[in-house]
Amino acid sequence: MVQYIQVNDYETAEFDGEWVVLNTDKYTVTKLNEIGGFCWSMMKDAQTVDSLCQAIEQEFGRASDNLSEDIEAFLYELMEYGLIQHAV
């Protein structure tokens, strides 16, 4: 299974359930919702789509049919922004 991990320990801040990630390498700011911030914090260690989905379901009590698709799209965007990479 493919695993994902943060590229660097970028500065983050949480305000009223929304997260901001400051990519100091590319001078960008990425805003995440509560679930995105939760996933981001988990990716300090290598995670798979399945491990993230299970953690979301446990933490937020949310189980949806398309959760894994949503997480895959989210991870793709974070990779495009240079915030995460495939774990080795």
PDB file of N, CA and C in Angstrom:
ATOM      1  N   MET A   1       0.833  -1.191   0.000  1.00  0.00           N
ATOM      2  CA  MET A   1       0.000   0.000   0.000  1.00  0.00           C
ATOM      3  C   MET A   1       0.874   1.250   0.000  1.00  0.00           C
ATOM      4  N   VAL A   2       0.404   2.241  -0.697  1.00  0.00           N
ATOM      5  CA  VAL A   2       1.118   3.506  -0.762  1.00  0.00           C
ATOM      6  C   VAL A   2       0.947   4.250   0.559  1.00  0.00           C
ATOM      7  N   GLN A   3       2.053   4.754   1.070  1.00  0.00           N
ATOM      8  CA  GLN A   3       2.025   5.530   2.306  1.00  0.00           C
ATOM      9  C   GLN A   3       2.441   6.966   2.002  1.00  0.00           C
ATOM     10  N   TYR A   4       1.891   7.890   2.782  1.00  0.00           N
ATOM     11  CA  TYR A   4       2.165   9.312   2.608  1.00  0.00           C
ATOM     12  C   TYR A   4       2.699   9.881   3.911  1.00  0.00           C
ATOM     13  N   ILE A   5       3.577  10.887   3.787  1.00  0.00           N
ATOM     14  CA  ILE A   5       4.173  11.520   4.956  1.00  0.00           C
ATOM     15  C   ILE A   5       4.449  12.992   4.624  1.00  0.00           C
ATOM     16  N   GLN A   6       4.471  13.825   5.659  1.00  0.00           N
ATOM     17  CA  GLN A   6       4.787  15.237   5.461  1.00  0.00           C
ATOM     18  C   GLN A   6       6.199  15.379   4.904  1.00  0.00           C
ATOM     19  N   VAL A   7       6.391  16.361   4.011  1.00  0.00           N
ATOM     20  CA  VAL A   7       7.718  16.619   3.456  1.00  0.00           C
ATOM     21  C   VAL A   7       8.607  17.235   4.523  1.00  0.00           C
ATOM     22  N   ASN A   8       8.124  18.248   5.197  1.00  0.00           N
ATOM     23  CA  ASN A   8       8.846  18.928   6.270  1.00  0.00           C
ATOM     24  C   ASN A   8       7.884  19.204   7.409  1.00  0.00           C
ATOM     25  N   ASP A   9       8.429  19.590   8.518  1.00  0.00           N
ATOM     26  CA  ASP A   9       7.596  19.971   9.651  1.00  0.00           C
ATOM     27  C   ASP A   9       7.264  21.461   9.505  1.00  0.00           C
ATOM     28  N   TYR A  10       6.332  21.764   8.602  1.00  0.00           N
ATOM     29  CA  TYR A  10       5.966  23.149   8.326  1.00  0.00           C
ATOM     30  C   TYR A  10       5.175  23.741   9.490  1.00  0.00           C
ATOM     31  N   GLU A  11       5.236  25.051   9.588  1.00  0.00           N
ATOM     32  CA  GLU A  11       4.476  25.760  10.606  1.00  0.00           C
ATOM     33  C   GLU A  11       2.984  25.577  10.348  1.00  0.00           C
ATOM     34  N   THR A  12       2.241  25.299  11.397  1.00  0.00           N
ATOM     35  CA  THR A  12       0.785  25.169  11.282  1.00  0.00           C
ATOM     36  C   THR A  12       0.129  25.963  12.401  1.00  0.00           C
ATOM     37  N   ALA A  13      -1.078  26.373  12.124  1.00  0.00           N
ATOM     38  CA  ALA A  13      -1.878  27.060  13.136  1.00  0.00           C
ATOM     39  C   ALA A  13      -3.320  26.625  12.964  1.00  0.00           C
ATOM     40  N   GLU A  14      -4.028  26.508  14.078  1.00  0.00           N
ATOM     41  CA  GLU A  14      -5.440  26.124  14.043  1.00  0.00           C
ATOM     42  C   GLU A  14      -6.268  27.263  14.626  1.00  0.00           C
ATOM     43  N   PHE A  15      -7.302  27.658  13.872  1.00  0.00           N
ATOM     44  CA  PHE A  15      -8.215  28.712  14.292  1.00  0.00           C
ATOM     45  C   PHE A  15      -9.641  28.247  14.079  1.00  0.00           C
ATOM     46  N   ASP A  16     -10.387  28.078  15.142  1.00  0.00           N
ATOM     47  CA  ASP A  16     -11.805  27.710  15.051  1.00  0.00           C
ATOM     48  C   ASP A  16     -12.056  26.513  14.123  1.00  0.00           C
ATOM     49  N   GLY A  17     -11.269  25.464  14.279  1.00  0.00           N
ATOM     50  CA  GLY A  17     -11.477  24.250  13.502  1.00  0.00           C
ATOM     51  C   GLY A  17     -10.896  24.282  12.102  1.00  0.00           C
ATOM     52  N   GLU A  18     -10.257  25.371  11.707  1.00  0.00           N
ATOM     53  CA  GLU A  18      -9.602  25.440  10.406  1.00  0.00           C
ATOM     54  C   GLU A  18      -8.100  25.552  10.628  1.00  0.00           C
ATOM     55  N   TRP A  19      -7.355  24.916   9.772  1.00  0.00           N
ATOM     56  CA  TRP A  19      -5.903  24.872   9.890  1.00  0.00           C
ATOM     57  C   TRP A  19      -5.264  25.666   8.766  1.00  0.00           C
ATOM     58  N   VAL A  20      -4.106  26.214   9.053  1.00  0.00           N
ATOM     59  CA  VAL A  20      -3.297  26.908   8.056  1.00  0.00           C
ATOM     60  C   VAL A  20      -1.910  26.279   8.095  1.00  0.00           C
ATOM     61  N   VAL A  21      -1.427  25.866   6.919  1.00  0.00           N
ATOM     62  CA  VAL A  21      -0.094  25.279   6.803  1.00  0.00           C
ATOM     63  C   VAL A  21       0.762  26.252   6.001  1.00  0.00           C
ATOM     64  N   LEU A  22       1.868  26.680   6.580  1.00  0.00           N
ATOM     65  CA  LEU A  22       2.779  27.621   5.929  1.00  0.00           C
ATOM     66  C   LEU A  22       3.951  26.854   5.348  1.00  0.00           C
ATOM     67  N   ASN A  23       4.010  26.787   4.023  1.00  0.00           N
ATOM     68  CA  ASN A  23       5.116  26.127   3.343  1.00  0.00           C
ATOM     69  C   ASN A  23       6.219  27.163   3.180  1.00  0.00           C
ATOM     70  N   THR A  24       7.185  27.125   4.054  1.00  0.00           N
ATOM     71  CA  THR A  24       8.252  28.122   4.048  1.00  0.00           C
ATOM     72  C   THR A  24       9.244  27.901   2.914  1.00  0.00           C
ATOM     73  N   ASP A  25       9.219  26.728   2.277  1.00  0.00           N
ATOM     74  CA  ASP A  25      10.093  26.475   1.137  1.00  0.00           C
ATOM     75  C   ASP A  25       9.568  27.159  -0.123  1.00  0.00           C
ATOM     76  N   LYS A  26       8.249  27.125  -0.307  1.00  0.00           N
ATOM     77  CA  LYS A  26       7.633  27.700  -1.508  1.00  0.00           C
ATOM     78  C   LYS A  26       6.872  28.992  -1.229  1.00  0.00           C
ATOM     79  N   TYR A  27       6.891  29.435   0.024  1.00  0.00           N
ATOM     80  CA  TYR A  27       6.208  30.664   0.427  1.00  0.00           C
ATOM     81  C   TYR A  27       4.720  30.627   0.079  1.00  0.00           C
ATOM     82  N   THR A  28       4.075  29.516   0.456  1.00  0.00           N
ATOM     83  CA  THR A  28       2.639  29.370   0.221  1.00  0.00           C
ATOM     84  C   THR A  28       1.912  29.117   1.533  1.00  0.00           C
ATOM     85  N   VAL A  29       0.614  29.392   1.511  1.00  0.00           N
ATOM     86  CA  VAL A  29      -0.257  29.145   2.650  1.00  0.00           C
ATOM     87  C   VAL A  29      -1.377  28.236   2.163  1.00  0.00           C
ATOM     88  N   THR A  30      -1.609  27.150   2.866  1.00  0.00           N
ATOM     89  CA  THR A  30      -2.677  26.217   2.512  1.00  0.00           C
ATOM     90  C   THR A  30      -3.648  26.138   3.682  1.00  0.00           C
ATOM     91  N   LYS A  31      -4.921  26.331   3.385  1.00  0.00           N
ATOM     92  CA  LYS A  31      -5.963  26.307   4.406  1.00  0.00           C
ATOM     93  C   LYS A  31      -6.652  24.943   4.374  1.00  0.00           C
ATOM     94  N   LEU A  32      -6.822  24.326   5.548  1.00  0.00           N
ATOM     95  CA  LEU A  32      -7.449  23.010   5.660  1.00  0.00           C
ATOM     96  C   LEU A  32      -8.628  23.094   6.615  1.00  0.00           C
ATOM     97  N   ASN A  33      -9.660  22.291   6.343  1.00  0.00           N
ATOM     98  CA  ASN A  33     -10.762  22.215   7.296  1.00  0.00           C
ATOM     99  C   ASN A  33     -10.358  21.310   8.454  1.00  0.00           C
ATOM    100  N   GLU A  34     -11.264  21.083   9.368  1.00  0.00           N
ATOM    101  CA  GLU A  34     -10.957  20.316  10.573  1.00  0.00           C
ATOM    102  C   GLU A  34     -10.464  18.902  10.263  1.00  0.00           C
ATOM    103  N   ILE A  35     -11.125  18.234   9.343  1.00  0.00           N
ATOM    104  CA  ILE A  35     -10.720  16.869   8.999  1.00  0.00           C
ATOM    105  C   ILE A  35      -9.395  16.884   8.252  1.00  0.00           C
ATOM    106  N   GLY A  36      -9.199  17.856   7.367  1.00  0.00           N
ATOM    107  CA  GLY A  36      -7.919  17.985   6.675  1.00  0.00           C
ATOM    108  C   GLY A  36      -6.782  18.234   7.645  1.00  0.00           C
ATOM    109  N   GLY A  37      -7.012  19.079   8.637  1.00  0.00           N
ATOM    110  CA  GLY A  37      -6.000  19.341   9.655  1.00  0.00           C
ATOM    111  C   GLY A  37      -5.696  18.105  10.486  1.00  0.00           C
ATOM    112  N   PHE A  38      -6.740  17.338  10.782  1.00  0.00           N
ATOM    113  CA  PHE A  38      -6.557  16.082  11.518  1.00  0.00           C
ATOM    114  C   PHE A  38      -5.666  15.133  10.715  1.00  0.00           C
ATOM    115  N   CYS A  39      -5.954  14.999   9.421  1.00  0.00           N
ATOM    116  CA  CYS A  39      -5.138  14.141   8.553  1.00  0.00           C
ATOM    117  C   CYS A  39      -3.702  14.656   8.479  1.00  0.00           C
ATOM    118  N   TRP A  40      -3.569  15.966   8.315  1.00  0.00           N
ATOM    119  CA  TRP A  40      -2.239  16.577   8.247  1.00  0.00           C
ATOM    120  C   TRP A  40      -1.432  16.231   9.494  1.00  0.00           C
ATOM    121  N   SER A  41      -2.034  16.352  10.661  1.00  0.00           N
ATOM    122  CA  SER A  41      -1.303  16.079  11.897  1.00  0.00           C
ATOM    123  C   SER A  41      -0.906  14.610  11.996  1.00  0.00           C
ATOM    124  N   MET A  42      -1.712  13.731  11.432  1.00  0.00           N
ATOM    125  CA  MET A  42      -1.380  12.300  11.459  1.00  0.00           C
ATOM    126  C   MET A  42      -0.221  11.962  10.528  1.00  0.00           C
ATOM    127  N   MET A  43      -0.025  12.771   9.493  1.00  0.00           N
ATOM    128  CA  MET A  43       1.002  12.447   8.498  1.00  0.00           C
ATOM    129  C   MET A  43       2.407  12.857   8.914  1.00  0.00           C
ATOM    130  N   LYS A  44       2.592  13.153  10.197  1.00  0.00           N
ATOM    131  CA  LYS A  44       3.958  13.270  10.706  1.00  0.00           C
ATOM    132  C   LYS A  44       4.599  11.886  10.646  1.00  0.00           C
ATOM    133  N   ASP A  45       3.746  10.867  10.741  1.00  0.00           N
ATOM    134  CA  ASP A  45       4.144   9.476  10.551  1.00  0.00           C
ATOM    135  C   ASP A  45       3.490   8.993   9.261  1.00  0.00           C
ATOM    136  N   ALA A  46       4.080   8.016   8.618  1.00  0.00           N
ATOM    137  CA  ALA A  46       3.559   7.496   7.358  1.00  0.00           C
ATOM    138  C   ALA A  46       2.140   6.956   7.545  1.00  0.00           C
ATOM    139  N   GLN A  47       1.258   7.308   6.616  1.00  0.00           N
ATOM    140  CA  GLN A  47      -0.145   6.891   6.653  1.00  0.00           C
ATOM    141  C   GLN A  47      -0.587   6.415   5.276  1.00  0.00           C
ATOM    142  N   THR A  48      -1.542   5.504   5.272  1.00  0.00           N
ATOM    143  CA  THR A  48      -2.180   5.080   4.030  1.00  0.00           C
ATOM    144  C   THR A  48      -3.566   5.714   3.962  1.00  0.00           C
ATOM    145  N   VAL A  49      -4.193   5.605   2.806  1.00  0.00           N
ATOM    146  CA  VAL A  49      -5.566   6.086   2.673  1.00  0.00           C
ATOM    147  C   VAL A  49      -6.453   5.361   3.676  1.00  0.00           C
ATOM    148  N   ASP A  50      -6.276   4.057   3.796  1.00  0.00           N
ATOM    149  CA  ASP A  50      -7.095   3.265   4.721  1.00  0.00           C
ATOM    150  C   ASP A  50      -6.876   3.672   6.172  1.00  0.00           C
ATOM    151  N   SER A  51      -5.625   3.910   6.563  1.00  0.00           N
ATOM    152  CA  SER A  51      -5.363   4.286   7.957  1.00  0.00           C
ATOM    153  C   SER A  51      -5.967   5.654   8.271  1.00  0.00           C
ATOM    154  N   LEU A  52      -5.927   6.576   7.312  1.00  0.00           N
ATOM    155  CA  LEU A  52      -6.544   7.886   7.510  1.00  0.00           C
ATOM    156  C   LEU A  52      -8.059   7.768   7.609  1.00  0.00           C
ATOM    157  N   CYS A  53      -8.657   6.958   6.748  1.00  0.00           N
ATOM    158  CA  CYS A  53     -10.118   6.765   6.778  1.00  0.00           C
ATOM    159  C   CYS A  53     -10.562   6.170   8.106  1.00  0.00           C
ATOM    160  N   GLN A  54      -9.845   5.164   8.583  1.00  0.00           N
ATOM    161  CA  GLN A  54     -10.191   4.541   9.855  1.00  0.00           C
ATOM    162  C   GLN A  54     -10.082   5.538  11.003  1.00  0.00           C
ATOM    163  N   ALA A  55      -9.036   6.356  10.991  1.00  0.00           N
ATOM    164  CA  ALA A  55      -8.848   7.344  12.053  1.00  0.00           C
ATOM    165  C   ALA A  55      -9.947   8.401  12.016  1.00  0.00           C
ATOM    166  N   ILE A  56     -10.349   8.821  10.823  1.00  0.00           N
ATOM    167  CA  ILE A  56     -11.432   9.810  10.682  1.00  0.00           C
ATOM    168  C   ILE A  56     -12.734   9.236  11.210  1.00  0.00           C
ATOM    169  N   GLU A  57     -13.032   8.010  10.834  1.00  0.00           N
ATOM    170  CA  GLU A  57     -14.263   7.368  11.294  1.00  0.00           C
ATOM    171  C   GLU A  57     -14.276   7.234  12.815  1.00  0.00           C
ATOM    172  N   GLN A  58     -13.116   6.929  13.391  1.00  0.00           N
ATOM    173  CA  GLN A  58     -13.031   6.782  14.841  1.00  0.00           C
ATOM    174  C   GLN A  58     -13.130   8.142  15.532  1.00  0.00           C
ATOM    175  N   GLU A  59     -12.449   9.141  15.021  1.00  0.00           N
ATOM    176  CA  GLU A  59     -12.395  10.456  15.668  1.00  0.00           C
ATOM    177  C   GLU A  59     -13.686  11.254  15.482  1.00  0.00           C
ATOM    178  N   PHE A  60     -14.238  11.208  14.269  1.00  0.00           N
ATOM    179  CA  PHE A  60     -15.383  12.053  13.950  1.00  0.00           C
ATOM    180  C   PHE A  60     -16.693  11.281  13.809  1.00  0.00           C
ATOM    181  N   GLY A  61     -16.610   9.945  13.844  1.00  0.00           N
ATOM    182  CA  GLY A  61     -17.807   9.143  13.705  1.00  0.00           C
ATOM    183  C   GLY A  61     -18.435   9.252  12.333  1.00  0.00           C
ATOM    184  N   ARG A  62     -17.621   9.552  11.346  1.00  0.00           N
ATOM    185  CA  ARG A  62     -18.133   9.720   9.990  1.00  0.00           C
ATOM    186  C   ARG A  62     -17.714   8.544   9.133  1.00  0.00           C
ATOM    187  N   ALA A  63     -18.670   7.917   8.561  1.00  0.00           N
ATOM    188  CA  ALA A  63     -18.409   6.842   7.614  1.00  0.00           C
ATOM    189  C   ALA A  63     -19.260   7.121   6.384  1.00  0.00           C
ATOM    190  N   SER A  64     -18.605   7.412   5.287  1.00  0.00           N
ATOM    191  CA  SER A  64     -19.356   7.665   4.060  1.00  0.00           C
ATOM    192  C   SER A  64     -18.840   6.754   2.968  1.00  0.00           C
ATOM    193  N   ASP A  65     -19.662   6.564   1.970  1.00  0.00           N
ATOM    194  CA  ASP A  65     -19.301   5.666   0.872  1.00  0.00           C
ATOM    195  C   ASP A  65     -18.105   6.175   0.084  1.00  0.00           C
ATOM    196  N   ASN A  66     -17.950   7.481   0.000  1.00  0.00           N
ATOM    197  CA  ASN A  66     -16.876   8.030  -0.820  1.00  0.00           C
ATOM    198  C   ASN A  66     -15.739   8.637   0.001  1.00  0.00           C
ATOM    199  N   LEU A  67     -15.611   8.262   1.271  1.00  0.00           N
ATOM    200  CA  LEU A  67     -14.563   8.823   2.119  1.00  0.00           C
ATOM    201  C   LEU A  67     -13.181   8.546   1.552  1.00  0.00           C
ATOM    202  N   SER A  68     -12.925   7.317   1.118  1.00  0.00           N
ATOM    203  CA  SER A  68     -11.590   7.000   0.595  1.00  0.00           C
ATOM    204  C   SER A  68     -11.296   7.798  -0.673  1.00  0.00           C
ATOM    205  N   GLU A  69     -12.307   8.030  -1.510  1.00  0.00           N
ATOM    206  CA  GLU A  69     -12.112   8.849  -2.711  1.00  0.00           C
ATOM    207  C   GLU A  69     -11.787  10.285  -2.327  1.00  0.00           C
ATOM    208  N   ASP A  70     -12.478  10.807  -1.329  1.00  0.00           N
ATOM    209  CA  ASP A  70     -12.220  12.170  -0.859  1.00  0.00           C
ATOM    210  C   ASP A  70     -10.809  12.292  -0.295  1.00  0.00           C
ATOM    211  N   ILE A  71     -10.375  11.294   0.466  1.00  0.00           N
ATOM    212  CA  ILE A  71      -9.031  11.312   1.051  1.00  0.00           C
ATOM    213  C   ILE A  71      -7.976  11.223  -0.049  1.00  0.00           C
ATOM    214  N   GLU A  72      -8.207  10.380  -1.051  1.00  0.00           N
ATOM    215  CA  GLU A  72      -7.262  10.279  -2.158  1.00  0.00           C
ATOM    216  C   GLU A  72      -7.132  11.610  -2.889  1.00  0.00           C
ATOM    217  N   ALA A  73      -8.238  12.293  -3.119  1.00  0.00           N
ATOM    218  CA  ALA A  73      -8.209  13.602  -3.783  1.00  0.00           C
ATOM    219  C   ALA A  73      -7.470  14.624  -2.910  1.00  0.00           C
ATOM    220  N   PHE A  74      -7.724  14.588  -1.614  1.00  0.00           N
ATOM    221  CA  PHE A  74      -7.059  15.480  -0.670  1.00  0.00           C
ATOM    222  C   PHE A  74      -5.549  15.247  -0.693  1.00  0.00           C
ATOM    223  N   LEU A  75      -5.130  13.990  -0.647  1.00  0.00           N
ATOM    224  CA  LEU A  75      -3.707  13.663  -0.659  1.00  0.00           C
ATOM    225  C   LEU A  75      -3.050  14.096  -1.970  1.00  0.00           C
ATOM    226  N   TYR A  76      -3.766  13.928  -3.066  1.00  0.00           N
ATOM    227  CA  TYR A  76      -3.255  14.359  -4.369  1.00  0.00           C
ATOM    228  C   TYR A  76      -2.982  15.867  -4.352  1.00  0.00           C
ATOM    229  N   GLU A  77      -3.922  16.634  -3.804  1.00  0.00           N
ATOM    230  CA  GLU A  77      -3.740  18.083  -3.736  1.00  0.00           C
ATOM    231  C   GLU A  77      -2.545  18.446  -2.846  1.00  0.00           C
ATOM    232  N   LEU A  78      -2.418  17.791  -1.698  1.00  0.00           N
ATOM    233  CA  LEU A  78      -1.280  18.074  -0.822  1.00  0.00           C
ATOM    234  C   LEU A  78       0.043  17.749  -1.516  1.00  0.00           C
ATOM    235  N   MET A  79       0.053  16.711  -2.336  1.00  0.00           N
ATOM    236  CA  MET A  79       1.266  16.378  -3.091  1.00  0.00           C
ATOM    237  C   MET A  79       1.545  17.462  -4.135  1.00  0.00           C
ATOM    238  N   GLU A  80       0.504  17.931  -4.795  1.00  0.00           N
ATOM    239  CA  GLU A  80       0.664  19.003  -5.787  1.00  0.00           C
ATOM    240  C   GLU A  80       1.226  20.263  -5.145  1.00  0.00           C
ATOM    241  N   TYR A  81       0.849  20.539  -3.897  1.00  0.00           N
ATOM    242  CA  TYR A  81       1.328  21.713  -3.170  1.00  0.00           C
ATOM    243  C   TYR A  81       2.708  21.505  -2.573  1.00  0.00           C
ATOM    244  N   GLY A  82       3.231  20.292  -2.672  1.00  0.00           N
ATOM    245  CA  GLY A  82       4.556  19.997  -2.138  1.00  0.00           C
ATOM    246  C   GLY A  82       4.605  19.821  -0.640  1.00  0.00           C
ATOM    247  N   LEU A  83       3.461  19.505  -0.039  1.00  0.00           N
ATOM    248  CA  LEU A  83       3.407  19.361   1.416  1.00  0.00           C
ATOM    249  C   LEU A  83       3.626  17.930   1.900  1.00  0.00           C
ATOM    250  N   ILE A  84       3.279  16.954   1.058  1.00  0.00           N
ATOM    251  CA  ILE A  84       3.482  15.551   1.421  1.00  0.00           C
ATOM    252  C   ILE A  84       4.191  14.833   0.277  1.00  0.00           C
ATOM    253  N   GLN A  85       4.665  13.644   0.573  1.00  0.00           N
ATOM    254  CA  GLN A  85       5.317  12.805  -0.431  1.00  0.00           C
ATOM    255  C   GLN A  85       5.026  11.347  -0.098  1.00  0.00           C
ATOM    256  N   HIS A  86       5.394  10.464  -1.028  1.00  0.00           N
ATOM    257  CA  HIS A  86       5.269   9.042  -0.749  1.00  0.00           C
ATOM    258  C   HIS A  86       6.342   8.681   0.272  1.00  0.00           C
ATOM    259  N   ALA A  87       5.944   7.936   1.279  1.00  0.00           N
ATOM    260  CA  ALA A  87       6.903   7.481   2.301  1.00  0.00           C
ATOM    261  C   ALA A  87       7.742   6.346   1.730  1.00  0.00           C
ATOM    262  N   VAL A  88       8.974   6.336   2.109  1.00  0.00           N
ATOM    263  CA  VAL A  88       9.888   5.285   1.607  1.00  0.00           C
ATOM    264  C   VAL A  88       9.977   4.166   2.611  1.00  0.00           C
TER     265      VAL A  88
END
